[in-house]
């Protein structure tokens, strides 16, 4: 049976219940487009993009670069709520 015929929900259940490592997810993503889509969701599903704005070592230019990075990432991710930066 071809993997591209399986529903994405089934692939997601198979991949996510195995507790895959980052290396496993990268390898899964090379199999086919459907597995890549599911592996990407699992791989990037729980990113923590917070930063400490109380950090005294970071200068203003670094903080502005971080904000631009977060905004560019957010523009590629569907986020149903607004982001206050």
PDB file of N, CA and C in Angstrom:
ATOM      1  N   UNK A   1       0.847  -1.189   0.000  1.00  0.00           N
ATOM      2  CA  UNK A   1       0.000   0.000   0.000  1.00  0.00           C
ATOM      3  C   UNK A   1       0.885   1.242   0.000  1.00  0.00           C
ATOM      4  N   UNK A   2       0.606   2.162  -0.874  1.00  0.00           N
ATOM      5  CA  UNK A   2       1.395   3.381  -0.974  1.00  0.00           C
ATOM      6  C   UNK A   2       1.061   4.331   0.171  1.00  0.00           C
ATOM      7  N   UNK A   3       2.098   4.965   0.710  1.00  0.00           N
ATOM      8  CA  UNK A   3       1.887   5.887   1.823  1.00  0.00           C
ATOM      9  C   UNK A   3       1.075   7.106   1.428  1.00  0.00           C
ATOM     10  N   UNK A   4       1.125   7.472   0.168  1.00  0.00           N
ATOM     11  CA  UNK A   4       0.364   8.651  -0.250  1.00  0.00           C
ATOM     12  C   UNK A   4      -1.136   8.389  -0.307  1.00  0.00           C
ATOM     13  N   UNK A   5      -1.555   7.118  -0.146  1.00  0.00           N
ATOM     14  CA  UNK A   5      -2.983   6.801  -0.123  1.00  0.00           C
ATOM     15  C   UNK A   5      -3.559   6.835   1.291  1.00  0.00           C
ATOM     16  N   UNK A   6      -2.688   6.789   2.292  1.00  0.00           N
ATOM     17  CA  UNK A   6      -3.161   6.840   3.677  1.00  0.00           C
ATOM     18  C   UNK A   6      -3.613   8.250   4.032  1.00  0.00           C
ATOM     19  N   UNK A   7      -4.689   8.380   4.777  1.00  0.00           N
ATOM     20  CA  UNK A   7      -5.091   9.719   5.241  1.00  0.00           C
ATOM     21  C   UNK A   7      -4.014  10.312   6.148  1.00  0.00           C
ATOM     22  N   UNK A   8      -3.867  11.624   6.090  1.00  0.00           N
ATOM     23  CA  UNK A   8      -2.846  12.295   6.901  1.00  0.00           C
ATOM     24  C   UNK A   8      -3.058  12.067   8.395  1.00  0.00           C
ATOM     25  N   UNK A   9      -4.309  11.934   8.809  1.00  0.00           N
ATOM     26  CA  UNK A   9      -4.591  11.701  10.227  1.00  0.00           C
ATOM     27  C   UNK A   9      -3.983  10.376  10.691  1.00  0.00           C
ATOM     28  N   UNK A  10      -4.050   9.365   9.830  1.00  0.00           N
ATOM     29  CA  UNK A  10      -3.470   8.061  10.168  1.00  0.00           C
ATOM     30  C   UNK A  10      -1.950   8.168  10.235  1.00  0.00           C
ATOM     31  N   UNK A  11      -1.360   8.848   9.251  1.00  0.00           N
ATOM     32  CA  UNK A  11       0.091   9.045   9.282  1.00  0.00           C
ATOM     33  C   UNK A  11       0.513   9.817  10.532  1.00  0.00           C
ATOM     34  N   UNK A  12      -0.256  10.834  10.880  1.00  0.00           N
ATOM     35  CA  UNK A  12       0.059  11.618  12.070  1.00  0.00           C
ATOM     36  C   UNK A  12       0.015  10.750  13.323  1.00  0.00           C
ATOM     37  N   UNK A  13      -1.001   9.915  13.434  1.00  0.00           N
ATOM     38  CA  UNK A  13      -1.103   9.020  14.587  1.00  0.00           C
ATOM     39  C   UNK A  13       0.067   8.045  14.640  1.00  0.00           C
ATOM     40  N   UNK A  14       0.443   7.510  13.496  1.00  0.00           N
ATOM     41  CA  UNK A  14       1.559   6.557  13.446  1.00  0.00           C
ATOM     42  C   UNK A  14       2.857   7.234  13.864  1.00  0.00           C
ATOM     43  N   UNK A  15       3.113   8.402  13.313  1.00  0.00           N
ATOM     44  CA  UNK A  15       4.381   9.085  13.598  1.00  0.00           C
ATOM     45  C   UNK A  15       4.424   9.624  15.020  1.00  0.00           C
ATOM     46  N   UNK A  16       3.365  10.272  15.460  1.00  0.00           N
ATOM     47  CA  UNK A  16       3.404  10.945  16.764  1.00  0.00           C
ATOM     48  C   UNK A  16       3.364   9.974  17.938  1.00  0.00           C
ATOM     49  N   UNK A  17       2.805   8.785  17.764  1.00  0.00           N
ATOM     50  CA  UNK A  17       2.738   7.844  18.890  1.00  0.00           C
ATOM     51  C   UNK A  17       4.048   7.108  19.121  1.00  0.00           C
ATOM     52  N   UNK A  18       4.991   7.231  18.200  1.00  0.00           N
ATOM     53  CA  UNK A  18       6.271   6.553  18.347  1.00  0.00           C
ATOM     54  C   UNK A  18       7.288   7.376  19.129  1.00  0.00           C
ATOM     55  N   UNK A  19       6.968   8.591  19.519  1.00  0.00           N
ATOM     56  CA  UNK A  19       7.904   9.515  20.173  1.00  0.00           C
ATOM     57  C   UNK A  19       9.207   9.620  19.384  1.00  0.00           C
ATOM     58  N   UNK A  20       9.111  10.062  18.138  1.00  0.00           N
ATOM     59  CA  UNK A  20      10.294  10.102  17.286  1.00  0.00           C
ATOM     60  C   UNK A  20      11.268  11.193  17.704  1.00  0.00           C
ATOM     61  N   UNK A  21      12.529  10.968  17.452  1.00  0.00           N
ATOM     62  CA  UNK A  21      13.555  11.975  17.685  1.00  0.00           C
ATOM     63  C   UNK A  21      13.572  12.934  16.498  1.00  0.00           C
ATOM     64  N   UNK A  22      14.326  14.002  16.619  1.00  0.00           N
ATOM     65  CA  UNK A  22      14.444  14.958  15.523  1.00  0.00           C
ATOM     66  C   UNK A  22      15.050  14.287  14.295  1.00  0.00           C
ATOM     67  N   UNK A  23      16.021  13.404  14.508  1.00  0.00           N
ATOM     68  CA  UNK A  23      16.623  12.667  13.398  1.00  0.00           C
ATOM     69  C   UNK A  23      15.597  11.773  12.718  1.00  0.00           C
ATOM     70  N   UNK A  24      14.770  11.096  13.517  1.00  0.00           N
ATOM     71  CA  UNK A  24      13.705  10.259  12.945  1.00  0.00           C
ATOM     72  C   UNK A  24      12.762  11.097  12.088  1.00  0.00           C
ATOM     73  N   UNK A  25      12.358  12.249  12.609  1.00  0.00           N
ATOM     74  CA  UNK A  25      11.429  13.106  11.868  1.00  0.00           C
ATOM     75  C   UNK A  25      12.042  13.602  10.568  1.00  0.00           C
ATOM     76  N   UNK A  26      13.327  13.938  10.605  1.00  0.00           N
ATOM     77  CA  UNK A  26      13.999  14.356   9.365  1.00  0.00           C
ATOM     78  C   UNK A  26      14.013  13.217   8.350  1.00  0.00           C
ATOM     79  N   UNK A  27      14.295  12.019   8.820  1.00  0.00           N
ATOM     80  CA  UNK A  27      14.294  10.860   7.921  1.00  0.00           C
ATOM     81  C   UNK A  27      12.899  10.574   7.387  1.00  0.00           C
ATOM     82  N   UNK A  28      11.884  10.669   8.229  1.00  0.00           N
ATOM     83  CA  UNK A  28      10.509  10.469   7.784  1.00  0.00           C
ATOM     84  C   UNK A  28      10.157  11.465   6.689  1.00  0.00           C
ATOM     85  N   UNK A  29      10.630  12.687   6.840  1.00  0.00           N
ATOM     86  CA  UNK A  29      10.256  13.735   5.889  1.00  0.00           C
ATOM     87  C   UNK A  29      10.832  13.489   4.493  1.00  0.00           C
ATOM     88  N   UNK A  30      11.780  12.573   4.369  1.00  0.00           N
ATOM     89  CA  UNK A  30      12.367  12.260   3.066  1.00  0.00           C
ATOM     90  C   UNK A  30      11.615  11.164   2.311  1.00  0.00           C
ATOM     91  N   UNK A  31      10.629  10.550   2.942  1.00  0.00           N
ATOM     92  CA  UNK A  31       9.932   9.406   2.343  1.00  0.00           C
ATOM     93  C   UNK A  31       9.053   9.842   1.173  1.00  0.00           C
ATOM     94  N   UNK A  32       8.124  10.715   1.424  1.00  0.00           N
ATOM     95  CA  UNK A  32       7.239  11.231   0.373  1.00  0.00           C
ATOM     96  C   UNK A  32       6.592  12.517   0.888  1.00  0.00           C
ATOM     97  N   UNK A  33       5.885  13.203   0.008  1.00  0.00           N
ATOM     98  CA  UNK A  33       5.299  14.494   0.368  1.00  0.00           C
ATOM     99  C   UNK A  33       4.309  14.390   1.527  1.00  0.00           C
ATOM    100  N   UNK A  34       3.455  13.381   1.541  1.00  0.00           N
ATOM    101  CA  UNK A  34       2.475  13.246   2.621  1.00  0.00           C
ATOM    102  C   UNK A  34       3.152  13.011   3.959  1.00  0.00           C
ATOM    103  N   UNK A  35       4.172  12.172   3.975  1.00  0.00           N
ATOM    104  CA  UNK A  35       4.889  11.923   5.229  1.00  0.00           C
ATOM    105  C   UNK A  35       5.657  13.173   5.634  1.00  0.00           C
ATOM    106  N   UNK A  36       6.212  13.896   4.652  1.00  0.00           N
ATOM    107  CA  UNK A  36       6.913  15.147   4.959  1.00  0.00           C
ATOM    108  C   UNK A  36       5.972  16.141   5.632  1.00  0.00           C
ATOM    109  N   UNK A  37       4.752  16.274   5.113  1.00  0.00           N
ATOM    110  CA  UNK A  37       3.797  17.216   5.692  1.00  0.00           C
ATOM    111  C   UNK A  37       3.474  16.852   7.139  1.00  0.00           C
ATOM    112  N   UNK A  38       3.259  15.574   7.401  1.00  0.00           N
ATOM    113  CA  UNK A  38       2.937  15.128   8.759  1.00  0.00           C
ATOM    114  C   UNK A  38       4.151  15.263   9.666  1.00  0.00           C
ATOM    115  N   UNK A  39       5.319  14.856   9.186  1.00  0.00           N
ATOM    116  CA  UNK A  39       6.537  14.948  10.007  1.00  0.00           C
ATOM    117  C   UNK A  39       6.859  16.404  10.338  1.00  0.00           C
ATOM    118  N   UNK A  40       6.610  17.301   9.403  1.00  0.00           N
ATOM    119  CA  UNK A  40       6.858  18.722   9.653  1.00  0.00           C
ATOM    120  C   UNK A  40       5.945  19.263  10.740  1.00  0.00           C
ATOM    121  N   UNK A  41       4.687  18.847  10.712  1.00  0.00           N
ATOM    122  CA  UNK A  41       3.747  19.292  11.748  1.00  0.00           C
ATOM    123  C   UNK A  41       4.207  18.798  13.115  1.00  0.00           C
ATOM    124  N   UNK A  42       4.635  17.551  13.194  1.00  0.00           N
ATOM    125  CA  UNK A  42       5.111  17.005  14.471  1.00  0.00           C
ATOM    126  C   UNK A  42       6.409  17.692  14.884  1.00  0.00           C
ATOM    127  N   UNK A  43       7.310  17.909  13.919  1.00  0.00           N
ATOM    128  CA  UNK A  43       8.614  18.487  14.216  1.00  0.00           C
ATOM    129  C   UNK A  43       8.502  19.933  14.690  1.00  0.00           C
ATOM    130  N   UNK A  44       7.671  20.709  14.030  1.00  0.00           N
ATOM    131  CA  UNK A  44       7.573  22.137  14.337  1.00  0.00           C
ATOM    132  C   UNK A  44       6.304  22.502  15.087  1.00  0.00           C
ATOM    133  N   UNK A  45       5.583  21.525  15.579  1.00  0.00           N
ATOM    134  CA  UNK A  45       4.308  21.776  16.233  1.00  0.00           C
ATOM    135  C   UNK A  45       4.399  22.446  17.584  1.00  0.00           C
ATOM    136  N   UNK A  46       5.533  22.345  18.248  1.00  0.00           N
ATOM    137  CA  UNK A  46       5.650  22.879  19.603  1.00  0.00           C
ATOM    138  C   UNK A  46       6.917  23.710  19.758  1.00  0.00           C
ATOM    139  N   UNK A  47       7.029  24.745  18.965  1.00  0.00           N
ATOM    140  CA  UNK A  47       8.187  25.632  19.060  1.00  0.00           C
ATOM    141  C   UNK A  47       7.963  26.661  20.156  1.00  0.00           C
ATOM    142  N   UNK A  48       8.998  26.916  20.896  1.00  0.00           N
ATOM    143  CA  UNK A  48       8.951  27.961  21.918  1.00  0.00           C
ATOM    144  C   UNK A  48       9.833  29.105  21.447  1.00  0.00           C
ATOM    145  N   UNK A  49       9.215  30.181  21.025  1.00  0.00           N
ATOM    146  CA  UNK A  49       9.953  31.312  20.469  1.00  0.00           C
ATOM    147  C   UNK A  49      10.005  32.496  21.428  1.00  0.00           C
ATOM    148  N   UNK A  50       9.912  32.223  22.691  1.00  0.00           N
ATOM    149  CA  UNK A  50       9.970  33.304  23.661  1.00  0.00           C
ATOM    150  C   UNK A  50      11.411  33.762  23.854  1.00  0.00           C
ATOM    151  N   UNK A  51      11.555  34.992  24.236  1.00  0.00           N
ATOM    152  CA  UNK A  51      12.872  35.499  24.587  1.00  0.00           C
ATOM    153  C   UNK A  51      12.732  36.402  25.800  1.00  0.00           C
ATOM    154  N   UNK A  52      13.801  36.537  26.520  1.00  0.00           N
ATOM    155  CA  UNK A  52      13.806  37.296  27.770  1.00  0.00           C
ATOM    156  C   UNK A  52      14.111  38.757  27.457  1.00  0.00           C
ATOM    157  N   UNK A  53      13.090  39.600  27.506  1.00  0.00           N
ATOM    158  CA  UNK A  53      13.337  41.014  27.236  1.00  0.00           C
ATOM    159  C   UNK A  53      13.944  41.726  28.438  1.00  0.00           C
ATOM    160  N   UNK A  54      14.139  41.013  29.530  1.00  0.00           N
ATOM    161  CA  UNK A  54      14.808  41.573  30.699  1.00  0.00           C
ATOM    162  C   UNK A  54      16.306  41.318  30.672  1.00  0.00           C
ATOM    163  N   UNK A  55      16.786  40.655  29.627  1.00  0.00           N
ATOM    164  CA  UNK A  55      18.208  40.327  29.506  1.00  0.00           C
ATOM    165  C   UNK A  55      19.010  41.610  29.339  1.00  0.00           C
ATOM    166  N   UNK A  56      19.856  41.887  30.283  1.00  0.00           N
ATOM    167  CA  UNK A  56      20.626  43.131  30.244  1.00  0.00           C
ATOM    168  C   UNK A  56      21.809  43.051  29.287  1.00  0.00           C
ATOM    169  N   UNK A  57      22.204  41.848  28.893  1.00  0.00           N
ATOM    170  CA  UNK A  57      23.337  41.697  27.982  1.00  0.00           C
ATOM    171  C   UNK A  57      22.947  41.968  26.532  1.00  0.00           C
ATOM    172  N   UNK A  58      21.679  41.769  26.212  1.00  0.00           N
ATOM    173  CA  UNK A  58      21.225  41.985  24.839  1.00  0.00           C
ATOM    174  C   UNK A  58      21.010  43.471  24.604  1.00  0.00           C
ATOM    175  N   UNK A  59      21.619  43.982  23.556  1.00  0.00           N
ATOM    176  CA  UNK A  59      21.435  45.400  23.265  1.00  0.00           C
ATOM    177  C   UNK A  59      20.174  45.606  22.430  1.00  0.00           C
ATOM    178  N   UNK A  60      19.845  46.824  22.177  1.00  0.00           N
ATOM    179  CA  UNK A  60      18.600  47.145  21.466  1.00  0.00           C
ATOM    180  C   UNK A  60      18.595  46.593  20.045  1.00  0.00           C
ATOM    181  N   UNK A  61      19.735  46.604  19.364  1.00  0.00           N
ATOM    182  CA  UNK A  61      19.808  46.081  18.006  1.00  0.00           C
ATOM    183  C   UNK A  61      19.516  44.579  17.986  1.00  0.00           C
ATOM    184  N   UNK A  62      20.027  43.853  18.971  1.00  0.00           N
ATOM    185  CA  UNK A  62      19.773  42.419  19.070  1.00  0.00           C
ATOM    186  C   UNK A  62      18.291  42.161  19.318  1.00  0.00           C
ATOM    187  N   UNK A  63      17.685  42.942  20.200  1.00  0.00           N
ATOM    188  CA  UNK A  63      16.252  42.771  20.480  1.00  0.00           C
ATOM    189  C   UNK A  63      15.413  43.025  19.230  1.00  0.00           C
ATOM    190  N   UNK A  64      15.766  44.054  18.470  1.00  0.00           N
ATOM    191  CA  UNK A  64      15.032  44.350  17.241  1.00  0.00           C
ATOM    192  C   UNK A  64      15.203  43.229  16.213  1.00  0.00           C
ATOM    193  N   UNK A  65      16.396  42.642  16.148  1.00  0.00           N
ATOM    194  CA  UNK A  65      16.629  41.517  15.238  1.00  0.00           C
ATOM    195  C   UNK A  65      15.794  40.314  15.644  1.00  0.00           C
ATOM    196  N   UNK A  66      15.687  40.068  16.943  1.00  0.00           N
ATOM    197  CA  UNK A  66      14.860  38.964  17.424  1.00  0.00           C
ATOM    198  C   UNK A  66      13.399  39.187  17.073  1.00  0.00           C
ATOM    199  N   UNK A  67      12.918  40.394  17.250  1.00  0.00           N
ATOM    200  CA  UNK A  67      11.522  40.703  16.931  1.00  0.00           C
ATOM    201  C   UNK A  67      11.263  40.500  15.448  1.00  0.00           C
ATOM    202  N   UNK A  68      12.178  40.942  14.581  1.00  0.00           N
ATOM    203  CA  UNK A  68      12.014  40.748  13.142  1.00  0.00           C
ATOM    204  C   UNK A  68      12.006  39.267  12.785  1.00  0.00           C
ATOM    205  N   UNK A  69      12.867  38.491  13.433  1.00  0.00           N
ATOM    206  CA  UNK A  69      12.892  37.053  13.193  1.00  0.00           C
ATOM    207  C   UNK A  69      11.564  36.425  13.569  1.00  0.00           C
ATOM    208  N   UNK A  70      11.036  36.749  14.753  1.00  0.00           N
ATOM    209  CA  UNK A  70       9.770  36.187  15.203  1.00  0.00           C
ATOM    210  C   UNK A  70       8.626  36.598  14.286  1.00  0.00           C
ATOM    211  N   UNK A  71       8.639  37.835  13.827  1.00  0.00           N
ATOM    212  CA  UNK A  71       7.582  38.291  12.922  1.00  0.00           C
ATOM    213  C   UNK A  71       7.652  37.581  11.580  1.00  0.00           C
ATOM    214  N   UNK A  72       8.859  37.335  11.077  1.00  0.00           N
ATOM    215  CA  UNK A  72       8.978  36.632   9.795  1.00  0.00           C
ATOM    216  C   UNK A  72       8.546  35.177   9.933  1.00  0.00           C
ATOM    217  N   UNK A  73       8.856  34.549  11.067  1.00  0.00           N
ATOM    218  CA  UNK A  73       8.399  33.177  11.299  1.00  0.00           C
ATOM    219  C   UNK A  73       6.887  33.150  11.416  1.00  0.00           C
ATOM    220  N   UNK A  74       6.335  34.106  12.144  1.00  0.00           N
ATOM    221  CA  UNK A  74       4.890  34.157  12.339  1.00  0.00           C
ATOM    222  C   UNK A  74       4.151  34.381  11.021  1.00  0.00           C
ATOM    223  N   UNK A  75       4.782  35.051  10.061  1.00  0.00           N
ATOM    224  CA  UNK A  75       4.109  35.291   8.783  1.00  0.00           C
ATOM    225  C   UNK A  75       3.943  34.006   7.978  1.00  0.00           C
ATOM    226  N   UNK A  76       4.739  32.977   8.281  1.00  0.00           N
ATOM    227  CA  UNK A  76       4.624  31.698   7.583  1.00  0.00           C
ATOM    228  C   UNK A  76       3.774  30.682   8.332  1.00  0.00           C
ATOM    229  N   UNK A  77       3.407  31.004   9.542  1.00  0.00           N
ATOM    230  CA  UNK A  77       2.649  30.085  10.378  1.00  0.00           C
ATOM    231  C   UNK A  77       1.243  30.645  10.573  1.00  0.00           C
ATOM    232  N   UNK A  78       0.267  29.809  10.442  1.00  0.00           N
ATOM    233  CA  UNK A  78      -1.115  30.245  10.670  1.00  0.00           C
ATOM    234  C   UNK A  78      -1.370  30.295  12.160  1.00  0.00           C
ATOM    235  N   UNK A  79      -1.489  31.469  12.695  1.00  0.00           N
ATOM    236  CA  UNK A  79      -1.755  31.649  14.109  1.00  0.00           C
ATOM    237  C   UNK A  79      -3.093  32.357  14.241  1.00  0.00           C
ATOM    238  N   UNK A  80      -4.084  31.707  14.852  1.00  0.00           N
ATOM    239  CA  UNK A  80      -5.420  32.290  14.900  1.00  0.00           C
ATOM    240  C   UNK A  80      -5.546  33.501  15.806  1.00  0.00           C
ATOM    241  N   UNK A  81      -4.622  33.724  16.699  1.00  0.00           N
ATOM    242  CA  UNK A  81      -4.706  34.875  17.591  1.00  0.00           C
ATOM    243  C   UNK A  81      -3.595  35.861  17.241  1.00  0.00           C
ATOM    244  N   UNK A  82      -3.749  37.084  17.694  1.00  0.00           N
ATOM    245  CA  UNK A  82      -2.742  38.092  17.392  1.00  0.00           C
ATOM    246  C   UNK A  82      -1.538  37.922  18.312  1.00  0.00           C
ATOM    247  N   UNK A  83      -0.412  38.407  17.842  1.00  0.00           N
ATOM    248  CA  UNK A  83       0.831  38.332  18.612  1.00  0.00           C
ATOM    249  C   UNK A  83       1.172  39.736  19.075  1.00  0.00           C
ATOM    250  N   UNK A  84       1.361  39.886  20.359  1.00  0.00           N
ATOM    251  CA  UNK A  84       1.779  41.173  20.907  1.00  0.00           C
ATOM    252  C   UNK A  84       3.280  41.142  21.117  1.00  0.00           C
ATOM    253  N   UNK A  85       3.963  41.958  20.338  1.00  0.00           N
ATOM    254  CA  UNK A  85       5.428  42.038  20.466  1.00  0.00           C
ATOM    255  C   UNK A  85       5.790  43.453  20.847  1.00  0.00           C
TER     256      UNK A  85
END
